[in-house]
Amino acid sequence: MTDFAFAGKAFDIRLDNGVVFHNTFAAEGNRMVYEQIDGAVEGSSEEVMLYVAELSPRMYLVGWNERSGAAVTQVLDFKTKRVTMFRSLDAGGGRVGEVHSGTFEEVR
């Protein structure tokens, strides 16, 4: 097991646009299964490979690529339980980006 604060744990992430995700991280901290449990594409889920950097103690940059072509990056701050997310996806013949903020909590 890594020393990442999220490794081997599950979290509910609530974003400012009303979307809620349930993210379950592998014990090694290198993979995650996300499930959208509320929002526009409720019920979608995927297992993704993670790219992780510790920005400061208990603050992580976590990124992944989805089958859809979307690229997602989150900053998880375990001191404040806040998340900032950037998502880039194909739309209308080009790429669009979105920035969201929210909170997260560990679930058991």
Protein backbone atom coordinates (compact mmCIF):
# COMPACT_ATOMS: atom_id res chain seq x y z
CA MET A 1 0.00 0.00 0.00
CA THR A 2 1.22 3.51 -0.79
CA ASP A 3 1.21 6.38 1.64
CA PHE A 4 -1.39 8.29 -0.41
CA ALA A 5 -4.20 9.36 1.93
CA PHE A 6 -6.82 8.02 -0.51
CA ALA A 7 -5.25 4.60 -1.27
CA GLY A 8 -7.57 1.69 -0.49
CA LYS A 9 -10.45 3.99 0.46
CA ALA A 10 -13.74 5.20 -1.04
CA PHE A 11 -15.06 8.77 -1.17
CA ASP A 12 -18.21 10.58 -2.21
CA ILE A 13 -17.39 13.77 -4.13
CA ARG A 14 -20.05 16.49 -4.40
CA LEU A 15 -19.40 19.13 -7.05
CA ASP A 16 -20.81 22.66 -7.37
CA ASN A 17 -22.89 21.64 -10.42
CA GLY A 18 -24.85 19.02 -8.42
CA VAL A 19 -22.94 16.02 -9.76
CA VAL A 20 -21.99 13.39 -7.16
CA PHE A 21 -19.35 10.71 -7.68
CA HIS A 22 -18.45 7.66 -5.62
CA ASN A 23 -14.71 7.01 -6.13
CA THR A 24 -13.11 3.80 -4.91
CA PHE A 25 -9.30 3.75 -4.98
CA ALA A 26 -7.14 0.63 -5.24
CA ALA A 27 -4.87 -0.15 -2.29
CA GLU A 28 -1.83 0.76 -4.40
CA GLY A 29 -3.32 4.17 -5.26
CA ASN A 30 -2.76 3.63 -8.99
CA ARG A 31 -6.31 2.76 -10.09
CA MET A 32 -9.80 3.98 -9.28
CA VAL A 33 -13.38 3.06 -10.06
CA TYR A 34 -15.63 6.10 -10.34
CA GLU A 35 -19.41 5.91 -10.35
CA GLN A 36 -21.62 8.90 -11.02
CA ILE A 37 -24.37 8.52 -8.41
CA ASP A 38 -26.21 11.77 -9.12
CA GLY A 39 -26.24 14.09 -12.13
CA ALA A 40 -26.72 14.13 -15.89
CA VAL A 41 -25.16 10.72 -16.61
CA GLU A 42 -26.11 9.02 -13.35
CA GLY A 43 -25.11 5.38 -13.33
CA SER A 44 -22.01 5.75 -15.50
CA SER A 45 -18.86 4.13 -14.15
CA GLU A 46 -15.40 3.12 -15.27
CA GLU A 47 -12.14 1.81 -13.86
CA VAL A 48 -9.27 4.15 -14.72
CA MET A 49 -5.49 4.23 -14.32
CA LEU A 50 -4.33 7.16 -12.19
CA TYR A 51 -1.47 9.61 -12.48
CA VAL A 52 -0.72 11.05 -9.03
CA ALA A 53 1.52 13.73 -7.55
CA GLU A 54 1.65 14.88 -3.95
CA LEU A 55 1.59 18.69 -4.12
CA SER A 56 2.06 19.21 -0.39
CA PRO A 57 1.41 17.05 2.66
CA ARG A 58 -2.08 15.51 2.27
CA MET A 59 -2.80 17.42 -1.00
CA TYR A 60 -2.76 15.42 -4.25
CA LEU A 61 -3.08 16.04 -7.95
CA VAL A 62 -4.92 13.02 -9.39
CA GLY A 63 -5.53 12.65 -13.13
CA TRP A 64 -6.90 10.07 -15.56
CA ASN A 65 -8.16 9.55 -19.08
CA GLU A 66 -11.58 8.06 -19.77
CA ARG A 67 -12.68 5.77 -22.62
CA SER A 68 -14.88 8.63 -23.86
CA GLY A 69 -11.75 10.71 -24.51
CA ALA A 70 -12.35 12.97 -21.51
CA ALA A 71 -9.30 13.92 -19.46
CA VAL A 72 -9.93 14.63 -15.77
CA THR A 73 -7.68 16.20 -13.15
CA GLN A 74 -8.58 16.70 -9.50
CA VAL A 75 -6.78 18.38 -6.64
CA LEU A 76 -7.80 16.59 -3.43
CA ASP A 77 -6.99 18.55 -0.26
CA PHE A 78 -7.33 16.22 2.72
CA LYS A 79 -6.79 19.07 5.19
CA THR A 80 -9.91 20.95 4.06
CA LYS A 81 -11.83 18.07 2.38
CA ARG A 82 -12.13 20.25 -0.75
CA VAL A 83 -11.73 19.18 -4.36
CA THR A 84 -11.03 21.26 -7.47
CA MET A 85 -11.61 19.48 -10.78
CA PHE A 86 -10.76 20.22 -14.40
CA ARG A 87 -12.37 18.15 -17.15
CA SER A 88 -11.61 18.38 -20.87
CA LEU A 89 -13.78 16.64 -23.46
CA ASP A 90 -14.69 16.59 -27.15
CA ALA A 91 -17.81 18.60 -28.01
CA GLY A 92 -19.08 20.46 -31.03
CA GLY A 93 -16.11 19.56 -33.22
CA GLY A 94 -13.50 20.70 -30.70
CA ARG A 95 -12.38 20.43 -27.08
CA VAL A 96 -14.12 22.15 -24.20
CA GLY A 97 -13.06 22.42 -20.59
CA GLU A 98 -14.90 22.74 -17.31
CA VAL A 99 -13.67 23.70 -13.84
CA HIS A 100 -15.65 22.68 -10.75
CA SER A 101 -15.12 22.75 -7.02
CA GLY A 102 -16.70 20.78 -4.24
CA THR A 103 -16.22 18.66 -1.17
CA PHE A 104 -15.43 15.03 -0.47
CA GLU A 105 -15.92 12.64 2.40
CA GLU A 106 -14.72 9.13 3.08
CA VAL A 107 -17.42 6.45 3.02
CA ARG A 108 -17.12 2.96 4.44
